[in-house]
PDB file of all heavy atoms in Angstrom:
ATOM      1  N   PRO A   1      62.171 -46.655 145.813  1.00  0.00           N
ATOM      2  CA  PRO A   1      63.386 -47.159 146.471  1.00  0.00           C
ATOM      3  C   PRO A   1      63.049 -47.714 147.852  1.00  0.00           C
ATOM      4  O   PRO A   1      62.140 -47.229 148.528  1.00  0.00           O
ATOM      5  CB  PRO A   1      64.275 -45.912 146.586  1.00  0.00           C
ATOM      6  CG  PRO A   1      63.713 -44.928 145.605  1.00  0.00           C
ATOM      7  CD  PRO A   1      62.247 -45.213 145.517  1.00  0.00           C
ATOM      8  N   GLU A   2      63.815 -48.709 148.268  1.00  0.00           N
ATOM      9  CA  GLU A   2      63.542 -49.335 149.565  1.00  0.00           C
ATOM     10  C   GLU A   2      63.687 -48.343 150.715  1.00  0.00           C
ATOM     11  O   GLU A   2      62.976 -48.425 151.717  1.00  0.00           O
ATOM     12  CB  GLU A   2      64.488 -50.520 149.783  1.00  0.00           C
ATOM     13  CG  GLU A   2      64.193 -51.299 151.051  1.00  0.00           C
ATOM     14  CD  GLU A   2      65.108 -52.498 151.234  1.00  0.00           C
ATOM     15  OE1 GLU A   2      65.706 -52.939 150.238  1.00  0.00           O
ATOM     16  OE2 GLU A   2      65.223 -52.980 152.375  1.00  0.00           O
ATOM     17  N   ASP A   3      64.584 -47.372 150.579  1.00  0.00           N
ATOM     18  CA  ASP A   3      64.833 -46.420 151.657  1.00  0.00           C
ATOM     19  C   ASP A   3      64.055 -45.111 151.492  1.00  0.00           C
ATOM     20  O   ASP A   3      64.407 -44.091 152.079  1.00  0.00           O
ATOM     21  CB  ASP A   3      66.325 -46.107 151.755  1.00  0.00           C
ATOM     22  CG  ASP A   3      66.876 -45.497 150.458  1.00  0.00           C
ATOM     23  OD1 ASP A   3      66.129 -45.430 149.451  1.00  0.00           O
ATOM     24  OD2 ASP A   3      68.056 -45.108 150.451  1.00  0.00           O
ATOM     25  N   CYS A   4      62.979 -45.126 150.700  1.00  0.00           N
ATOM     26  CA  CYS A   4      62.237 -43.897 150.434  1.00  0.00           C
ATOM     27  C   CYS A   4      61.512 -43.391 151.680  1.00  0.00           C
ATOM     28  O   CYS A   4      61.234 -44.150 152.616  1.00  0.00           O
ATOM     29  CB  CYS A   4      61.224 -44.116 149.304  1.00  0.00           C
ATOM     30  SG  CYS A   4      59.880 -45.244 149.736  1.00  0.00           S
ATOM     31  N   ASP A   5      61.187 -42.124 151.663  1.00  0.00           N
ATOM     32  CA  ASP A   5      60.382 -41.502 152.715  1.00  0.00           C
ATOM     33  C   ASP A   5      58.918 -41.722 152.345  1.00  0.00           C
ATOM     34  O   ASP A   5      58.394 -41.082 151.424  1.00  0.00           O
ATOM     35  CB  ASP A   5      60.721 -40.010 152.781  1.00  0.00           C
ATOM     36  CG  ASP A   5      59.922 -39.274 153.850  1.00  0.00           C
ATOM     37  OD1 ASP A   5      58.857 -39.772 154.266  1.00  0.00           O
ATOM     38  OD2 ASP A   5      60.353 -38.182 154.254  1.00  0.00           O
ATOM     39  N   THR A   6      58.258 -42.634 153.047  1.00  0.00           N
ATOM     40  CA  THR A   6      56.897 -43.032 152.651  1.00  0.00           C
ATOM     41  C   THR A   6      55.906 -41.879 152.749  1.00  0.00           C
ATOM     42  O   THR A   6      54.951 -41.811 151.969  1.00  0.00           O
ATOM     43  CB  THR A   6      56.409 -44.216 153.499  1.00  0.00           C
ATOM     44  OG1 THR A   6      56.491 -43.874 154.880  1.00  0.00           O
ATOM     45  CG2 THR A   6      57.266 -45.445 153.233  1.00  0.00           C
ATOM     46  N   ALA A   7      56.103 -40.984 153.709  1.00  0.00           N
ATOM     47  CA  ALA A   7      55.206 -39.828 153.823  1.00  0.00           C
ATOM     48  C   ALA A   7      55.391 -38.891 152.628  1.00  0.00           C
ATOM     49  O   ALA A   7      54.407 -38.367 152.073  1.00  0.00           O
ATOM     50  CB  ALA A   7      55.467 -39.092 155.123  1.00  0.00           C
ATOM     51  N   HIS A   8      56.632 -38.702 152.209  1.00  0.00           N
ATOM     52  CA  HIS A   8      56.906 -37.790 151.092  1.00  0.00           C
ATOM     53  C   HIS A   8      56.339 -38.325 149.782  1.00  0.00           C
ATOM     54  O   HIS A   8      55.685 -37.579 149.037  1.00  0.00           O
ATOM     55  CB  HIS A   8      58.416 -37.576 150.967  1.00  0.00           C
ATOM     56  CG  HIS A   8      58.803 -36.764 149.756  1.00  0.00           C
ATOM     57  ND1 HIS A   8      58.606 -35.402 149.674  1.00  0.00           N
ATOM     58  CD2 HIS A   8      59.361 -37.140 148.557  1.00  0.00           C
ATOM     59  CE1 HIS A   8      59.026 -34.960 148.493  1.00  0.00           C
ATOM     60  NE2 HIS A   8      59.491 -35.991 147.805  1.00  0.00           N
ATOM     61  N   ILE A   9      56.567 -39.607 149.475  1.00  0.00           N
ATOM     62  CA  ILE A   9      56.131 -40.156 148.173  1.00  0.00           C
ATOM     63  C   ILE A   9      54.625 -40.169 148.045  1.00  0.00           C
ATOM     64  O   ILE A   9      54.086 -40.264 146.936  1.00  0.00           O
ATOM     65  CB  ILE A   9      56.695 -41.571 147.929  1.00  0.00           C
ATOM     66  CG1 ILE A   9      56.138 -42.572 148.958  1.00  0.00           C
ATOM     67  CG2 ILE A   9      58.223 -41.559 147.919  1.00  0.00           C
ATOM     68  CD1 ILE A   9      56.477 -44.017 148.664  1.00  0.00           C
ATOM     69  N   SER A  10      53.913 -40.080 149.180  1.00  0.00           N
ATOM     70  CA  SER A  10      52.448 -40.144 149.160  1.00  0.00           C
ATOM     71  C   SER A  10      51.784 -38.777 149.167  1.00  0.00           C
ATOM     72  O   SER A  10      50.557 -38.696 149.151  1.00  0.00           O
ATOM     73  CB  SER A  10      51.956 -40.946 150.372  1.00  0.00           C
ATOM     74  OG  SER A  10      52.571 -42.201 150.425  1.00  0.00           O
ATOM     75  N   GLN A  11      52.565 -37.709 149.200  1.00  0.00           N
ATOM     76  CA  GLN A  11      51.974 -36.379 149.173  1.00  0.00           C
ATOM     77  C   GLN A  11      51.327 -36.122 147.818  1.00  0.00           C
ATOM     78  O   GLN A  11      51.861 -36.515 146.782  1.00  0.00           O
ATOM     79  CB  GLN A  11      53.043 -35.332 149.450  1.00  0.00           C
ATOM     80  CG  GLN A  11      53.565 -35.354 150.874  1.00  0.00           C
ATOM     81  CD  GLN A  11      54.705 -34.380 151.092  1.00  0.00           C
ATOM     82  OE1 GLN A  11      55.092 -33.649 150.177  1.00  0.00           O
ATOM     83  NE2 GLN A  11      55.250 -34.365 152.296  1.00  0.00           N
ATOM     84  N   PRO A  12      50.159 -35.472 147.794  1.00  0.00           N
ATOM     85  CA  PRO A  12      49.453 -35.262 146.526  1.00  0.00           C
ATOM     86  C   PRO A  12      50.301 -34.576 145.461  1.00  0.00           C
ATOM     87  O   PRO A  12      50.243 -34.952 144.282  1.00  0.00           O
ATOM     88  CB  PRO A  12      48.260 -34.392 146.936  1.00  0.00           C
ATOM     89  CG  PRO A  12      48.028 -34.725 148.374  1.00  0.00           C
ATOM     90  CD  PRO A  12      49.377 -34.985 148.948  1.00  0.00           C
ATOM     91  N   GLU A  13      51.109 -33.578 145.845  1.00  0.00           N
ATOM     92  CA  GLU A  13      51.896 -32.883 144.827  1.00  0.00           C
ATOM     93  C   GLU A  13      52.984 -33.790 144.244  1.00  0.00           C
ATOM     94  O   GLU A  13      53.314 -33.695 143.058  1.00  0.00           O
ATOM     95  CB  GLU A  13      52.512 -31.612 145.403  1.00  0.00           C
ATOM     96  CG  GLU A  13      53.393 -31.806 146.608  1.00  0.00           C
ATOM     97  CD  GLU A  13      52.626 -31.726 147.922  1.00  0.00           C
ATOM     98  OE1 GLU A  13      51.384 -31.911 147.893  1.00  0.00           O
ATOM     99  OE2 GLU A  13      53.265 -31.461 148.952  1.00  0.00           O
ATOM    100  N   VAL A  14      53.515 -34.712 145.054  1.00  0.00           N
ATOM    101  CA  VAL A  14      54.535 -35.643 144.555  1.00  0.00           C
ATOM    102  C   VAL A  14      53.886 -36.693 143.668  1.00  0.00           C
ATOM    103  O   VAL A  14      54.373 -37.004 142.578  1.00  0.00           O
ATOM    104  CB  VAL A  14      55.282 -36.295 145.738  1.00  0.00           C
ATOM    105  CG1 VAL A  14      56.287 -37.334 145.233  1.00  0.00           C
ATOM    106  CG2 VAL A  14      55.980 -35.237 146.579  1.00  0.00           C
ATOM    107  N   ALA A  15      52.763 -37.267 144.125  1.00  0.00           N
ATOM    108  CA  ALA A  15      52.055 -38.253 143.309  1.00  0.00           C
ATOM    109  C   ALA A  15      51.531 -37.618 142.025  1.00  0.00           C
ATOM    110  O   ALA A  15      51.534 -38.238 140.954  1.00  0.00           O
ATOM    111  CB  ALA A  15      50.897 -38.855 144.111  1.00  0.00           C
ATOM    112  N   GLY A  16      51.052 -36.375 142.111  1.00  0.00           N
ATOM    113  CA  GLY A  16      50.568 -35.678 140.933  1.00  0.00           C
ATOM    114  C   GLY A  16      51.661 -35.429 139.921  1.00  0.00           C
ATOM    115  O   GLY A  16      51.448 -35.551 138.706  1.00  0.00           O
ATOM    116  N   ALA A  17      52.854 -35.105 140.406  1.00  0.00           N
ATOM    117  CA  ALA A  17      53.979 -34.888 139.488  1.00  0.00           C
ATOM    118  C   ALA A  17      54.325 -36.176 138.739  1.00  0.00           C
ATOM    119  O   ALA A  17      54.665 -36.140 137.550  1.00  0.00           O
ATOM    120  CB  ALA A  17      55.185 -34.380 140.271  1.00  0.00           C
ATOM    121  N   ARG A  18      54.237 -37.319 139.423  1.00  0.00           N
ATOM    122  CA  ARG A  18      54.496 -38.597 138.750  1.00  0.00           C
ATOM    123  C   ARG A  18      53.485 -38.839 137.635  1.00  0.00           C
ATOM    124  O   ARG A  18      53.820 -39.289 136.539  1.00  0.00           O
ATOM    125  CB  ARG A  18      54.442 -39.753 139.764  1.00  0.00           C
ATOM    126  CG  ARG A  18      55.699 -39.965 140.569  1.00  0.00           C
ATOM    127  CD  ARG A  18      55.679 -41.300 141.280  1.00  0.00           C
ATOM    128  NE  ARG A  18      54.600 -41.403 142.240  1.00  0.00           N
ATOM    129  CZ  ARG A  18      54.710 -41.101 143.539  1.00  0.00           C
ATOM    130  NH1 ARG A  18      55.872 -40.672 144.011  1.00  0.00           N
ATOM    131  NH2 ARG A  18      53.685 -41.233 144.350  1.00  0.00           N
ATOM    132  N   LEU A  19      52.212 -38.541 137.918  1.00  0.00           N
ATOM    133  CA  LEU A  19      51.170 -38.732 136.910  1.00  0.00           C
ATOM    134  C   LEU A  19      51.378 -37.812 135.710  1.00  0.00           C
ATOM    135  O   LEU A  19      51.195 -38.219 134.557  1.00  0.00           O
ATOM    136  CB  LEU A  19      49.793 -38.481 137.526  1.00  0.00           C
ATOM    137  CG  LEU A  19      49.131 -39.661 138.242  1.00  0.00           C
ATOM    138  CD1 LEU A  19      47.907 -39.189 138.998  1.00  0.00           C
ATOM    139  CD2 LEU A  19      48.745 -40.742 137.237  1.00  0.00           C
ATOM    140  N   ARG A  20      51.729 -36.561 135.977  1.00  0.00           N
ATOM    141  CA  ARG A  20      51.989 -35.624 134.882  1.00  0.00           C
ATOM    142  C   ARG A  20      53.165 -36.109 134.029  1.00  0.00           C
ATOM    143  O   ARG A  20      53.148 -36.013 132.807  1.00  0.00           O
ATOM    144  CB  ARG A  20      52.316 -34.249 135.448  1.00  0.00           C
ATOM    145  CG  ARG A  20      51.194 -33.635 136.281  1.00  0.00           C
ATOM    146  CD  ARG A  20      50.292 -32.756 135.433  1.00  0.00           C
ATOM    147  NE  ARG A  20      49.402 -31.949 136.255  1.00  0.00           N
ATOM    148  CZ  ARG A  20      48.084 -32.054 136.243  1.00  0.00           C
ATOM    149  NH1 ARG A  20      47.489 -32.942 135.465  1.00  0.00           N
ATOM    150  NH2 ARG A  20      47.330 -31.265 136.987  1.00  0.00           N
ATOM    151  N   GLU A  21      54.189 -36.629 134.688  1.00  0.00           N
ATOM    152  CA  GLU A  21      55.347 -37.149 133.976  1.00  0.00           C
ATOM    153  C   GLU A  21      54.958 -38.344 133.103  1.00  0.00           C
ATOM    154  O   GLU A  21      55.443 -38.508 131.988  1.00  0.00           O
ATOM    155  CB  GLU A  21      56.425 -37.560 134.988  1.00  0.00           C
ATOM    156  CG  GLU A  21      57.722 -38.030 134.378  1.00  0.00           C
ATOM    157  CD  GLU A  21      58.553 -36.911 133.776  1.00  0.00           C
ATOM    158  OE1 GLU A  21      58.296 -35.733 134.109  1.00  0.00           O
ATOM    159  OE2 GLU A  21      59.458 -37.225 132.976  1.00  0.00           O
ATOM    160  N   GLN A  22      54.044 -39.163 133.622  1.00  0.00           N
ATOM    161  CA  GLN A  22      53.639 -40.367 132.905  1.00  0.00           C
ATOM    162  C   GLN A  22      52.706 -40.051 131.740  1.00  0.00           C
ATOM    163  O   GLN A  22      52.871 -40.588 130.640  1.00  0.00           O
ATOM    164  CB  GLN A  22      52.935 -41.337 133.868  1.00  0.00           C
ATOM    165  CG  GLN A  22      52.386 -42.595 133.190  1.00  0.00           C
ATOM    166  CD  GLN A  22      51.693 -43.517 134.179  1.00  0.00           C
ATOM    167  OE1 GLN A  22      51.776 -43.323 135.387  1.00  0.00           O
ATOM    168  NE2 GLN A  22      51.024 -44.543 133.663  1.00  0.00           N
ATOM    169  N   LEU A  23      51.710 -39.186 131.977  1.00  0.00           N
ATOM    170  CA  LEU A  23      50.611 -39.027 131.022  1.00  0.00           C
ATOM    171  C   LEU A  23      50.574 -37.664 130.342  1.00  0.00           C
ATOM    172  O   LEU A  23      49.708 -37.417 129.517  1.00  0.00           O
ATOM    173  CB  LEU A  23      49.284 -39.278 131.742  1.00  0.00           C
ATOM    174  CG  LEU A  23      49.126 -40.697 132.322  1.00  0.00           C
ATOM    175  CD1 LEU A  23      47.921 -40.769 133.232  1.00  0.00           C
ATOM    176  CD2 LEU A  23      49.009 -41.731 131.202  1.00  0.00           C
ATOM    177  N   GLY A  24      51.499 -36.799 130.687  1.00  0.00           N
ATOM    178  CA  GLY A  24      51.543 -35.491 130.037  1.00  0.00           C
ATOM    179  C   GLY A  24      51.024 -34.397 130.938  1.00  0.00           C
ATOM    180  O   GLY A  24      50.182 -34.632 131.813  1.00  0.00           O
ATOM    181  N   PRO A  25      51.468 -33.175 130.717  1.00  0.00           N
ATOM    182  CA  PRO A  25      51.107 -32.061 131.609  1.00  0.00           C
ATOM    183  C   PRO A  25      49.626 -31.687 131.557  1.00  0.00           C
ATOM    184  O   PRO A  25      49.104 -31.084 132.489  1.00  0.00           O
ATOM    185  CB  PRO A  25      51.990 -30.914 131.124  1.00  0.00           C
ATOM    186  CG  PRO A  25      52.326 -31.265 129.702  1.00  0.00           C
ATOM    187  CD  PRO A  25      52.408 -32.752 129.649  1.00  0.00           C
ATOM    188  N   GLY A  26      48.931 -32.033 130.465  1.00  0.00           N
ATOM    189  CA  GLY A  26      47.536 -31.606 130.339  1.00  0.00           C
ATOM    190  C   GLY A  26      46.521 -32.615 130.825  1.00  0.00           C
ATOM    191  O   GLY A  26      45.316 -32.374 130.717  1.00  0.00           O
ATOM    192  N   VAL A  27      46.954 -33.763 131.366  1.00  0.00           N
ATOM    193  CA  VAL A  27      46.003 -34.783 131.784  1.00  0.00           C
ATOM    194  C   VAL A  27      45.145 -34.260 132.940  1.00  0.00           C
ATOM    195  O   VAL A  27      45.628 -33.620 133.856  1.00  0.00           O
ATOM    196  CB  VAL A  27      46.733 -36.085 132.191  1.00  0.00           C
ATOM    197  CG1 VAL A  27      47.625 -35.864 133.410  1.00  0.00           C
ATOM    198  CG2 VAL A  27      45.731 -37.197 132.460  1.00  0.00           C
ATOM    199  N   GLU A  28      43.841 -34.530 132.859  1.00  0.00           N
ATOM    200  CA  GLU A  28      42.905 -34.077 133.888  1.00  0.00           C
ATOM    201  C   GLU A  28      42.496 -35.270 134.741  1.00  0.00           C
ATOM    202  O   GLU A  28      42.049 -36.300 134.210  1.00  0.00           O
ATOM    203  CB  GLU A  28      41.673 -33.439 133.245  1.00  0.00           C
ATOM    204  CG  GLU A  28      41.991 -32.178 132.438  1.00  0.00           C
ATOM    205  CD  GLU A  28      40.725 -31.548 131.865  1.00  0.00           C
ATOM    206  OE1 GLU A  28      39.933 -31.003 132.667  1.00  0.00           O
ATOM    207  OE2 GLU A  28      40.533 -31.621 130.641  1.00  0.00           O
ATOM    208  N   PHE A  29      42.629 -35.134 136.050  1.00  0.00           N
ATOM    209  CA  PHE A  29      42.353 -36.268 136.942  1.00  0.00           C
ATOM    210  C   PHE A  29      42.008 -35.753 138.335  1.00  0.00           C
ATOM    211  O   PHE A  29      42.233 -34.587 138.667  1.00  0.00           O
ATOM    212  CB  PHE A  29      43.558 -37.205 137.024  1.00  0.00           C
ATOM    213  CG  PHE A  29      44.786 -36.570 137.608  1.00  0.00           C
ATOM    214  CD1 PHE A  29      45.011 -36.593 138.978  1.00  0.00           C
ATOM    215  CD2 PHE A  29      45.719 -35.934 136.797  1.00  0.00           C
ATOM    216  CE1 PHE A  29      46.133 -36.007 139.536  1.00  0.00           C
ATOM    217  CE2 PHE A  29      46.852 -35.340 137.343  1.00  0.00           C
ATOM    218  CZ  PHE A  29      47.057 -35.378 138.719  1.00  0.00           C
ATOM    219  N   GLU A  30      41.449 -36.668 139.136  1.00  0.00           N
ATOM    220  CA  GLU A  30      41.273 -36.422 140.556  1.00  0.00           C
ATOM    221  C   GLU A  30      41.703 -37.672 141.313  1.00  0.00           C
ATOM    222  O   GLU A  30      41.499 -38.797 140.836  1.00  0.00           O
ATOM    223  CB  GLU A  30      39.820 -36.060 140.896  1.00  0.00           C
ATOM    224  CG  GLU A  30      38.812 -37.138 140.566  1.00  0.00           C
ATOM    225  CD  GLU A  30      37.380 -36.736 140.934  1.00  0.00           C
ATOM    226  OE1 GLU A  30      37.181 -35.599 141.393  1.00  0.00           O
ATOM    227  OE2 GLU A  30      36.481 -37.571 140.744  1.00  0.00           O
ATOM    228  N   PHE A  31      42.322 -37.475 142.451  1.00  0.00           N
ATOM    229  CA  PHE A  31      42.751 -38.595 143.273  1.00  0.00           C
ATOM    230  C   PHE A  31      41.566 -39.154 144.053  1.00  0.00           C
ATOM    231  O   PHE A  31      40.713 -38.409 144.538  1.00  0.00           O
ATOM    232  CB  PHE A  31      43.833 -38.164 144.259  1.00  0.00           C
ATOM    233  CG  PHE A  31      45.195 -37.979 143.636  1.00  0.00           C
ATOM    234  CD1 PHE A  31      45.837 -36.758 143.720  1.00  0.00           C
ATOM    235  CD2 PHE A  31      45.818 -39.025 142.987  1.00  0.00           C
ATOM    236  CE1 PHE A  31      47.095 -36.580 143.170  1.00  0.00           C
ATOM    237  CE2 PHE A  31      47.073 -38.861 142.422  1.00  0.00           C
ATOM    238  CZ  PHE A  31      47.716 -37.640 142.508  1.00  0.00           C
ATOM    239  N   VAL A  32      41.536 -40.474 144.159  1.00  0.00           N
ATOM    240  CA  VAL A  32      40.603 -41.147 145.057  1.00  0.00           C
ATOM    241  C   VAL A  32      41.317 -41.526 146.350  1.00  0.00           C
ATOM    242  O   VAL A  32      40.761 -41.414 147.446  1.00  0.00           O
ATOM    243  CB  VAL A  32      40.010 -42.400 144.376  1.00  0.00           C
ATOM    244  CG1 VAL A  32      39.093 -43.161 145.327  1.00  0.00           C
ATOM    245  CG2 VAL A  32      39.255 -42.000 143.112  1.00  0.00           C
ATOM    246  N   TRP A  33      42.572 -41.953 146.203  1.00  0.00           N
ATOM    247  CA  TRP A  33      43.346 -42.351 147.378  1.00  0.00           C
ATOM    248  C   TRP A  33      44.801 -42.433 146.974  1.00  0.00           C
ATOM    249  O   TRP A  33      45.138 -42.810 145.848  1.00  0.00           O
ATOM    250  CB  TRP A  33      42.869 -43.714 147.885  1.00  0.00           C
ATOM    251  CG  TRP A  33      43.518 -44.162 149.167  1.00  0.00           C
ATOM    252  CD1 TRP A  33      43.166 -43.820 150.439  1.00  0.00           C
ATOM    253  CD2 TRP A  33      44.642 -45.047 149.298  1.00  0.00           C
ATOM    254  NE1 TRP A  33      43.995 -44.425 151.345  1.00  0.00           N
ATOM    255  CE2 TRP A  33      44.910 -45.188 150.677  1.00  0.00           C
ATOM    256  CE3 TRP A  33      45.448 -45.725 148.382  1.00  0.00           C
ATOM    257  CZ2 TRP A  33      45.942 -45.982 151.153  1.00  0.00           C
ATOM    258  CZ3 TRP A  33      46.481 -46.517 148.860  1.00  0.00           C
ATOM    259  CH2 TRP A  33      46.719 -46.638 150.232  1.00  0.00           C
ATOM    260  N   ILE A  34      45.706 -42.057 147.872  1.00  0.00           N
ATOM    261  CA  ILE A  34      47.145 -42.203 147.665  1.00  0.00           C
ATOM    262  C   ILE A  34      47.723 -42.813 148.930  1.00  0.00           C
ATOM    263  O   ILE A  34      47.344 -42.407 150.043  1.00  0.00           O
ATOM    264  CB  ILE A  34      47.854 -40.842 147.424  1.00  0.00           C
ATOM    265  CG1 ILE A  34      47.130 -40.025 146.361  1.00  0.00           C
ATOM    266  CG2 ILE A  34      49.316 -41.049 147.032  1.00  0.00           C
ATOM    267  CD1 ILE A  34      47.613 -38.575 146.300  1.00  0.00           C
ATOM    268  N   GLY A  35      48.619 -43.759 148.781  1.00  0.00           N
ATOM    269  CA  GLY A  35      49.223 -44.325 149.981  1.00  0.00           C
ATOM    270  C   GLY A  35      50.418 -45.191 149.686  1.00  0.00           C
ATOM    271  O   GLY A  35      50.519 -45.799 148.606  1.00  0.00           O
ATOM    272  N   PRO A  36      51.363 -45.274 150.639  1.00  0.00           N
ATOM    273  CA  PRO A  36      52.512 -46.157 150.473  1.00  0.00           C
ATOM    274  C   PRO A  36      52.121 -47.607 150.741  1.00  0.00           C
ATOM    275  O   PRO A  36      51.154 -47.885 151.470  1.00  0.00           O
ATOM    276  CB  PRO A  36      53.484 -45.653 151.537  1.00  0.00           C
ATOM    277  CG  PRO A  36      52.603 -45.110 152.618  1.00  0.00           C
ATOM    278  CD  PRO A  36      51.397 -44.551 151.917  1.00  0.00           C
ATOM    279  N   TYR A  37      52.867 -48.502 150.169  1.00  0.00           N
ATOM    280  CA  TYR A  37      52.633 -49.925 150.373  1.00  0.00           C
ATOM    281  C   TYR A  37      53.988 -50.604 150.481  1.00  0.00           C
ATOM    282  O   TYR A  37      54.876 -50.369 149.653  1.00  0.00           O
ATOM    283  CB  TYR A  37      51.842 -50.511 149.201  1.00  0.00           C
ATOM    284  CG  TYR A  37      51.778 -52.033 149.190  1.00  0.00           C
ATOM    285  CD1 TYR A  37      51.042 -52.713 150.155  1.00  0.00           C
ATOM    286  CD2 TYR A  37      52.457 -52.782 148.229  1.00  0.00           C
ATOM    287  CE1 TYR A  37      50.983 -54.101 150.152  1.00  0.00           C
ATOM    288  CE2 TYR A  37      52.392 -54.169 148.223  1.00  0.00           C
ATOM    289  CZ  TYR A  37      51.659 -54.821 149.182  1.00  0.00           C
ATOM    290  OH  TYR A  37      51.613 -56.195 149.174  1.00  0.00           O
ATOM    291  N   GLY A  38      54.173 -51.387 151.510  1.00  0.00           N
ATOM    292  CA  GLY A  38      55.414 -52.130 151.670  1.00  0.00           C
ATOM    293  C   GLY A  38      55.105 -53.519 152.191  1.00  0.00           C
ATOM    294  O   GLY A  38      54.107 -53.734 152.888  1.00  0.00           O
TER     295      GLY A  38
END
């Protein structure tokens, strides 16, 4: 959303929850980088 909290959406637990929602709870991954873009 345009009015999102950029710090919140970039937190690892928030980004990780999006990935789990997309690919399933058992997906195994590691982050290389997370960041907002506008």
